[in-house]
C-alpha atoms as a PDB file:
ATOM      1  CA  MET A   1       0.000   0.000   0.000  1.00  0.00           C
ATOM      2  CA  ASN A   2       1.142   3.439  -0.700  1.00  0.00           C
ATOM      3  CA  ASP A   3       0.977   6.386   1.680  1.00  0.00           C
ATOM      4  CA  SER A   4      -2.119   7.953   0.144  1.00  0.00           C
ATOM      5  CA  ASN A   5      -4.164   4.776   0.649  1.00  0.00           C
ATOM      6  CA  ILE A   6      -2.989   4.514   4.240  1.00  0.00           C
ATOM      7  CA  GLN A   7      -3.904   8.160   4.857  1.00  0.00           C
ATOM      8  CA  LYS A   8      -7.371   7.585   3.360  1.00  0.00           C
ATOM      9  CA  LEU A   9      -7.925   4.552   5.573  1.00  0.00           C
ATOM     10  CA  LEU A  10      -6.820   6.433   8.678  1.00  0.00           C
ATOM     11  CA  ALA A  11      -9.060   9.397   7.802  1.00  0.00           C
ATOM     12  CA  ALA A  12     -12.029   7.066   7.286  1.00  0.00           C
ATOM     13  CA  ALA A  13     -11.310   5.368  10.598  1.00  0.00           C
ATOM     14  CA  ARG A  14     -11.208   8.731  12.380  1.00  0.00           C
ATOM     15  CA  LYS A  15     -14.658   9.610  11.030  1.00  0.00           C
ATOM     16  CA  GLU A  16     -16.198   6.418  12.412  1.00  0.00           C
ATOM     17  CA  GLN A  17     -17.812   6.441  15.816  1.00  0.00           C
ATOM     18  CA  ALA A  18     -16.136   4.504  18.566  1.00  0.00           C
ATOM     19  CA  PRO A  19     -17.902   1.292  19.584  1.00  0.00           C
ATOM     20  CA  GLU A  20     -20.028   1.511  22.696  1.00  0.00           C
ATOM     21  CA  VAL A  21     -18.660   0.002  25.845  1.00  0.00           C
ATOM     22  CA  PRO A  22     -20.846  -2.806  27.238  1.00  0.00           C
ATOM     23  CA  PHE A  23     -22.675  -2.230  30.494  1.00  0.00           C
ATOM     24  CA  ASN A  24     -20.597  -2.976  33.613  1.00  0.00           C
ATOM     25  CA  PHE A  25     -17.431  -3.363  31.514  1.00  0.00           C
ATOM     26  CA  GLU A  26     -15.100  -1.923  34.157  1.00  0.00           C
ATOM     27  CA  ASN A  27     -16.282  -4.350  36.829  1.00  0.00           C
ATOM     28  CA  SER A  28     -15.947  -7.352  34.543  1.00  0.00           C
ATOM     29  CA  VAL A  29     -12.379  -6.356  33.646  1.00  0.00           C
ATOM     30  CA  VAL A  30     -11.428  -5.919  37.306  1.00  0.00           C
ATOM     31  CA  SER A  31     -12.989  -9.273  38.271  1.00  0.00           C
ATOM     32  CA  ALA A  32     -11.162 -11.004  35.396  1.00  0.00           C
ATOM     33  CA  ILE A  33      -7.869  -9.524  36.594  1.00  0.00           C
ATOM     34  CA  ARG A  34      -8.550 -10.686  40.151  1.00  0.00           C
ATOM     35  CA  ARG A  35      -9.445 -14.186  38.936  1.00  0.00           C
ATOM     36  CA  ASP A  36      -6.215 -14.351  36.970  1.00  0.00           C
ATOM     37  CA  GLN A  37      -4.193 -13.209  39.979  1.00  0.00           C
ATOM     38  CA  ARG A  38      -5.811 -15.846  42.193  1.00  0.00           C
ATOM     39  CA  ARG A  39      -4.894 -18.573  39.710  1.00  0.00           C
ATOM     40  CA  SER A  40      -1.300 -17.428  39.445  1.00  0.00           C
ATOM     41  CA  THR A  41      -0.600 -17.307  43.192  1.00  0.00           C
ATOM     42  CA  PRO A  42       0.328 -20.633  44.776  1.00  0.00           C
ATOM     43  CA  LEU A  43      -2.187 -21.918  47.275  1.00  0.00           C
ATOM     44  CA  SER A  44      -1.221 -22.767  50.815  1.00  0.00           C
ATOM     45  CA  PHE A  45      -1.912 -26.198  52.262  1.00  0.00           C
ATOM     46  CA  PHE A  46      -4.950 -24.957  54.196  1.00  0.00           C
ATOM     47  CA  GLU A  47      -6.409 -23.222  51.127  1.00  0.00           C
ATOM     48  CA  GLN A  48      -6.100 -26.467  49.175  1.00  0.00           C
ATOM     49  CA  LEU A  49      -7.837 -28.363  51.992  1.00  0.00           C
ATOM     50  CA  ASN A  50     -10.533 -25.706  52.084  1.00  0.00           C
ATOM     51  CA  GLN A  51     -11.217 -26.306  48.384  1.00  0.00           C
ATOM     52  CA  LEU A  52     -11.148 -30.088  48.836  1.00  0.00           C
ATOM     53  CA  PHE A  53     -13.475 -30.403  51.853  1.00  0.00           C
ATOM     54  CA  PRO A  54     -16.792 -29.743  50.037  1.00  0.00           C
ATOM     55  CA  ARG A  55     -15.991 -32.549  47.590  1.00  0.00           C
ATOM     56  CA  LEU A  56     -15.008 -34.885  50.420  1.00  0.00           C
ATOM     57  CA  ALA A  57     -18.192 -34.042  52.297  1.00  0.00           C
ATOM     58  CA  ALA A  58     -20.325 -34.818  49.249  1.00  0.00           C
ATOM     59  CA  ALA A  59     -18.495 -38.122  48.704  1.00  0.00           C
ATOM     60  CA  ALA A  60     -18.964 -39.033  52.375  1.00  0.00           C
ATOM     61  CA  VAL A  61     -22.700 -38.333  52.168  1.00  0.00           C
ATOM     62  CA  VAL A  62     -22.984 -40.552  49.088  1.00  0.00           C
ATOM     63  CA  ILE A  63     -21.064 -43.391  50.759  1.00  0.00           C
ATOM     64  CA  ILE A  64     -23.137 -43.149  53.943  1.00  0.00           C
ATOM     65  CA  GLY A  65     -26.306 -43.167  51.852  1.00  0.00           C
ATOM     66  CA  LEU A  66     -25.168 -46.275  50.008  1.00  0.00           C
ATOM     67  CA  CYS A  67     -24.369 -48.018  53.290  1.00  0.00           C
ATOM     68  CA  ILE A  68     -27.786 -47.175  54.711  1.00  0.00           C
ATOM     69  CA  ALA A  69     -29.509 -48.341  51.525  1.00  0.00           C
ATOM     70  CA  THR A  70     -27.533 -51.588  51.565  1.00  0.00           C
ATOM     71  CA  GLU A  71     -28.342 -52.227  55.209  1.00  0.00           C
ATOM     72  CA  PHE A  72     -32.025 -51.486  54.594  1.00  0.00           C
ATOM     73  CA  TYR A  73     -32.044 -53.861  51.615  1.00  0.00           C
ATOM     74  CA  PHE A  74     -30.442 -56.683  53.549  1.00  0.00           C
ATOM     75  CA  THR A  75     -32.687 -56.233  56.608  1.00  0.00           C
ATOM     76  CA  GLN A  76     -35.650 -56.895  54.335  1.00  0.00           C
ATOM     77  CA  SER A  77     -34.215 -60.289  53.407  1.00  0.00           C
ATOM     78  CA  GLU A  78     -33.871 -63.274  55.718  1.00  0.00           C
ATOM     79  CA  THR A  79     -30.216 -62.772  56.520  1.00  0.00           C
ATOM     80  CA  THR A  80     -28.742 -59.484  57.615  1.00  0.00           C
ATOM     81  CA  THR A  81     -25.341 -58.027  57.024  1.00  0.00           C
ATOM     82  CA  THR A  82     -24.617 -58.168  60.737  1.00  0.00           C
ATOM     83  CA  ALA A  83     -25.451 -61.863  60.856  1.00  0.00           C
ATOM     84  CA  ASP A  84     -23.211 -62.495  57.830  1.00  0.00           C
ATOM     85  CA  VAL A  85     -20.318 -60.657  59.456  1.00  0.00           C
ATOM     86  CA  GLN A  86     -20.881 -62.470  62.736  1.00  0.00           C
ATOM     87  CA  GLN A  87     -20.939 -65.832  60.974  1.00  0.00           C
ATOM     88  CA  ALA A  88     -17.737 -65.028  59.066  1.00  0.00           C
ATOM     89  CA  ALA A  89     -16.031 -63.958  62.291  1.00  0.00           C
ATOM     90  CA  GLU A  90     -17.060 -67.164  64.051  1.00  0.00           C
ATOM     91  CA  GLU A  91     -15.860 -69.306  61.153  1.00  0.00           C
ATOM     92  CA  TRP A  92     -12.545 -67.477  61.076  1.00  0.00           C
ATOM     93  CA  LEU A  93     -12.130 -67.785  64.840  1.00  0.00           C
ATOM     94  CA  PHE A  94     -12.886 -71.510  64.938  1.00  0.00           C
ATOM     95  CA  ALA A  95     -10.979 -72.287  61.730  1.00  0.00           C
ATOM     96  CA  SER A  96      -7.659 -71.538  63.417  1.00  0.00           C
ATOM     97  CA  ASN A  97      -8.221 -74.244  66.109  1.00  0.00           C
END
């Protein structure tokens, strides 16, 4: 491109209106900067545990629920889980003699 074409393009660009800034643009930029800073800083051991505990709590609730459901299912049948464990313990205890 020659200089006259560049000057024409720049003159046309100056005549155009600037694009409107979206609503709440400043706040979204500041929050994006803060998010990026939080990702770049290394987390301490307690911060990592703090992020991990909600997941562990949810997993514990699921496991407890499964145990309760299993116990309820086996109490409906003739043999219970407790009786099975007791029988296995007795067999193990007497098998060694």
